[in-house]
N, C-alpha and C. Protein backbone atom coordinates (compact mmCIF):
# COMPACT_ATOMS: atom_id res chain seq x y z
N MET A 1 0.85 -1.19 0.00
CA MET A 1 0.00 0.00 0.00
C MET A 1 0.89 1.24 0.00
N ALA A 2 0.52 2.19 -0.82
CA ALA A 2 1.31 3.41 -0.96
C ALA A 2 1.19 4.28 0.28
N ASP A 3 2.24 4.97 0.59
CA ASP A 3 2.26 5.91 1.70
C ASP A 3 1.38 7.11 1.35
N LEU A 4 0.34 7.33 2.14
CA LEU A 4 -0.61 8.41 1.83
C LEU A 4 0.02 9.78 1.89
N ASP A 5 0.96 9.99 2.81
CA ASP A 5 1.63 11.28 2.87
C ASP A 5 2.46 11.51 1.61
N GLY A 6 3.07 10.44 1.11
CA GLY A 6 3.83 10.54 -0.13
C GLY A 6 2.94 10.88 -1.31
N LEU A 7 1.78 10.23 -1.35
CA LEU A 7 0.82 10.53 -2.41
C LEU A 7 0.32 11.97 -2.30
N ALA A 8 0.09 12.42 -1.08
CA ALA A 8 -0.35 13.80 -0.88
C ALA A 8 0.72 14.77 -1.39
N GLY A 9 1.98 14.45 -1.15
CA GLY A 9 3.07 15.28 -1.63
C GLY A 9 3.15 15.31 -3.14
N ARG A 10 2.93 14.15 -3.75
CA ARG A 10 2.93 14.09 -5.22
C ARG A 10 1.77 14.89 -5.79
N CYS A 11 0.62 14.83 -5.12
CA CYS A 11 -0.53 15.63 -5.55
C CYS A 11 -0.20 17.11 -5.43
N GLY A 12 0.48 17.49 -4.35
CA GLY A 12 0.87 18.87 -4.17
C GLY A 12 1.80 19.35 -5.28
N ALA A 13 2.73 18.50 -5.66
CA ALA A 13 3.65 18.85 -6.75
C ALA A 13 2.90 18.98 -8.08
N LEU A 14 1.96 18.09 -8.31
CA LEU A 14 1.14 18.16 -9.52
C LEU A 14 0.31 19.44 -9.53
N ALA A 15 -0.23 19.81 -8.37
CA ALA A 15 -1.01 21.05 -8.28
C ALA A 15 -0.15 22.25 -8.65
N GLU A 16 1.12 22.24 -8.23
CA GLU A 16 2.03 23.34 -8.59
C GLU A 16 2.27 23.37 -10.09
N ASP A 17 2.45 22.20 -10.70
CA ASP A 17 2.64 22.13 -12.15
C ASP A 17 1.41 22.67 -12.88
N LEU A 18 0.23 22.31 -12.38
CA LEU A 18 -1.00 22.80 -13.00
C LEU A 18 -1.13 24.32 -12.84
N ALA A 19 -0.73 24.82 -11.67
CA ALA A 19 -0.77 26.28 -11.46
C ALA A 19 0.17 26.98 -12.45
N ASP A 20 1.34 26.40 -12.68
CA ASP A 20 2.27 26.98 -13.65
C ASP A 20 1.67 26.98 -15.05
N ALA A 21 1.02 25.88 -15.42
CA ALA A 21 0.40 25.78 -16.74
C ALA A 21 -0.71 26.83 -16.90
N ALA A 22 -1.51 27.01 -15.86
CA ALA A 22 -2.58 28.02 -15.91
C ALA A 22 -1.99 29.42 -16.05
N MET A 23 -0.90 29.68 -15.32
CA MET A 23 -0.26 31.00 -15.40
C MET A 23 0.31 31.24 -16.80
N ASP A 24 0.83 30.20 -17.43
CA ASP A 24 1.33 30.35 -18.80
C ASP A 24 0.21 30.80 -19.73
N ARG A 25 -0.98 30.20 -19.56
CA ARG A 25 -2.12 30.60 -20.40
C ARG A 25 -2.52 32.04 -20.12
N LEU A 26 -2.53 32.41 -18.84
CA LEU A 26 -2.89 33.79 -18.49
C LEU A 26 -1.88 34.79 -19.03
N ARG A 27 -0.59 34.43 -19.00
CA ARG A 27 0.43 35.33 -19.56
C ARG A 27 0.22 35.51 -21.06
N ALA A 28 -0.10 34.42 -21.74
CA ALA A 28 -0.34 34.51 -23.19
C ALA A 28 -1.55 35.39 -23.49
N ILE A 29 -2.58 35.27 -22.69
CA ILE A 29 -3.78 36.10 -22.85
C ILE A 29 -3.43 37.57 -22.60
N ALA A 30 -2.68 37.84 -21.54
CA ALA A 30 -2.30 39.21 -21.21
C ALA A 30 -1.40 39.81 -22.28
N GLU A 31 -0.47 39.01 -22.80
CA GLU A 31 0.43 39.50 -23.84
C GLU A 31 -0.36 39.86 -25.10
N ALA A 32 -1.33 39.05 -25.46
CA ALA A 32 -2.16 39.36 -26.63
C ALA A 32 -2.92 40.67 -26.40
N ALA A 33 -3.46 40.84 -25.21
CA ALA A 33 -4.20 42.07 -24.90
C ALA A 33 -3.28 43.28 -24.95
N ARG A 34 -2.06 43.15 -24.42
CA ARG A 34 -1.10 44.26 -24.46
C ARG A 34 -0.69 44.62 -25.89
N SER A 35 -0.69 43.62 -26.76
CA SER A 35 -0.30 43.83 -28.15
C SER A 35 -1.45 44.36 -29.00
N GLY A 36 -2.61 44.51 -28.38
CA GLY A 36 -3.77 45.00 -29.10
C GLY A 36 -4.51 43.92 -29.86
N GLU A 37 -4.11 42.67 -29.66
CA GLU A 37 -4.78 41.55 -30.31
C GLU A 37 -5.95 41.09 -29.46
N GLU A 38 -6.84 40.38 -30.10
CA GLU A 38 -7.95 39.75 -29.38
C GLU A 38 -7.42 38.47 -28.74
N PRO A 39 -7.53 38.33 -27.41
CA PRO A 39 -7.06 37.10 -26.76
C PRO A 39 -7.83 35.88 -27.27
N ASP A 40 -7.13 34.79 -27.40
CA ASP A 40 -7.73 33.54 -27.87
C ASP A 40 -8.69 33.00 -26.82
N PRO A 41 -9.99 32.89 -27.13
CA PRO A 41 -10.94 32.37 -26.15
C PRO A 41 -10.65 30.92 -25.76
N ALA A 42 -10.00 30.18 -26.66
CA ALA A 42 -9.65 28.79 -26.33
C ALA A 42 -8.63 28.75 -25.19
N LEU A 43 -7.71 29.73 -25.17
CA LEU A 43 -6.72 29.79 -24.09
C LEU A 43 -7.40 30.07 -22.75
N ALA A 44 -8.37 30.97 -22.77
CA ALA A 44 -9.10 31.30 -21.53
C ALA A 44 -9.87 30.08 -21.03
N ALA A 45 -10.49 29.35 -21.94
CA ALA A 45 -11.23 28.15 -21.54
C ALA A 45 -10.27 27.09 -20.99
N GLU A 46 -9.11 26.97 -21.63
CA GLU A 46 -8.12 26.00 -21.17
C GLU A 46 -7.61 26.37 -19.77
N GLU A 47 -7.36 27.67 -19.56
CA GLU A 47 -6.91 28.12 -18.23
C GLU A 47 -7.92 27.78 -17.17
N ARG A 48 -9.20 28.00 -17.46
CA ARG A 48 -10.25 27.67 -16.47
C ARG A 48 -10.29 26.17 -16.18
N ARG A 49 -10.13 25.36 -17.23
CA ARG A 49 -10.15 23.90 -17.04
C ARG A 49 -8.95 23.46 -16.20
N ILE A 50 -7.78 24.01 -16.49
CA ILE A 50 -6.58 23.67 -15.72
C ILE A 50 -6.75 24.09 -14.26
N THR A 51 -7.33 25.27 -14.03
CA THR A 51 -7.53 25.76 -12.67
C THR A 51 -8.49 24.86 -11.89
N ARG A 52 -9.54 24.41 -12.55
CA ARG A 52 -10.46 23.47 -11.88
C ARG A 52 -9.75 22.17 -11.53
N ALA A 53 -8.90 21.70 -12.42
CA ALA A 53 -8.14 20.47 -12.16
C ALA A 53 -7.18 20.69 -10.99
N ARG A 54 -6.53 21.85 -10.95
CA ARG A 54 -5.62 22.15 -9.84
C ARG A 54 -6.34 22.13 -8.51
N ARG A 55 -7.52 22.74 -8.48
CA ARG A 55 -8.28 22.76 -7.23
C ARG A 55 -8.67 21.35 -6.79
N ALA A 56 -9.03 20.50 -7.75
CA ALA A 56 -9.39 19.12 -7.42
C ALA A 56 -8.18 18.37 -6.87
N VAL A 57 -7.02 18.58 -7.47
CA VAL A 57 -5.81 17.91 -7.01
C VAL A 57 -5.41 18.42 -5.62
N GLU A 58 -5.56 19.73 -5.39
CA GLU A 58 -5.28 20.28 -4.06
C GLU A 58 -6.21 19.67 -3.02
N LYS A 59 -7.46 19.48 -3.38
CA LYS A 59 -8.42 18.87 -2.46
C LYS A 59 -8.00 17.43 -2.16
N ALA A 60 -7.59 16.70 -3.19
CA ALA A 60 -7.13 15.32 -2.99
C ALA A 60 -5.91 15.30 -2.07
N ALA A 61 -4.98 16.23 -2.28
CA ALA A 61 -3.79 16.29 -1.42
C ALA A 61 -4.19 16.53 0.03
N ALA A 62 -5.14 17.42 0.25
CA ALA A 62 -5.59 17.72 1.61
C ALA A 62 -6.26 16.50 2.24
N LEU A 63 -7.07 15.81 1.46
CA LEU A 63 -7.74 14.61 1.98
C LEU A 63 -6.75 13.52 2.31
N LEU A 64 -5.77 13.31 1.45
CA LEU A 64 -4.76 12.27 1.71
C LEU A 64 -3.86 12.64 2.85
N GLY A 65 -3.64 13.94 3.04
CA GLY A 65 -2.77 14.41 4.11
C GLY A 65 -3.47 14.47 5.46
N GLY A 66 -4.73 14.08 5.50
CA GLY A 66 -5.46 14.04 6.76
C GLY A 66 -6.39 15.21 6.96
N GLY A 67 -6.40 16.17 6.02
CA GLY A 67 -7.31 17.30 6.12
C GLY A 67 -8.68 16.93 5.60
N SER A 68 -9.65 17.81 5.79
CA SER A 68 -11.01 17.55 5.33
C SER A 68 -11.18 17.89 3.86
N GLY A 69 -10.23 18.65 3.29
CA GLY A 69 -10.35 19.07 1.90
C GLY A 69 -11.16 20.34 1.74
N ASP A 70 -11.72 20.85 2.84
CA ASP A 70 -12.54 22.05 2.79
C ASP A 70 -11.72 23.31 3.03
N GLU A 71 -10.47 23.15 3.46
CA GLU A 71 -9.64 24.31 3.71
C GLU A 71 -9.25 24.95 2.40
N GLY A 72 -8.99 26.24 2.45
CA GLY A 72 -8.51 26.94 1.27
C GLY A 72 -7.03 26.66 1.07
N PRO A 73 -6.49 27.10 -0.07
CA PRO A 73 -5.07 26.87 -0.35
C PRO A 73 -4.18 27.64 0.58
């Protein structure tokens, strides 16, 4: 059986990777806006999907780490 604290840590690392990916999308959207271009709506939708996934992984990490999962980040 896997160590739950270890799994919680891996979930935490994955949540950080997802946060970085979401920030990359937001930077691309901001750069387009600064350049006077219309931001790609697909990027905005992708950022929202990644953010939802990050929140779910953070909740899993909290649950595995012994928390209720209801705490904020």
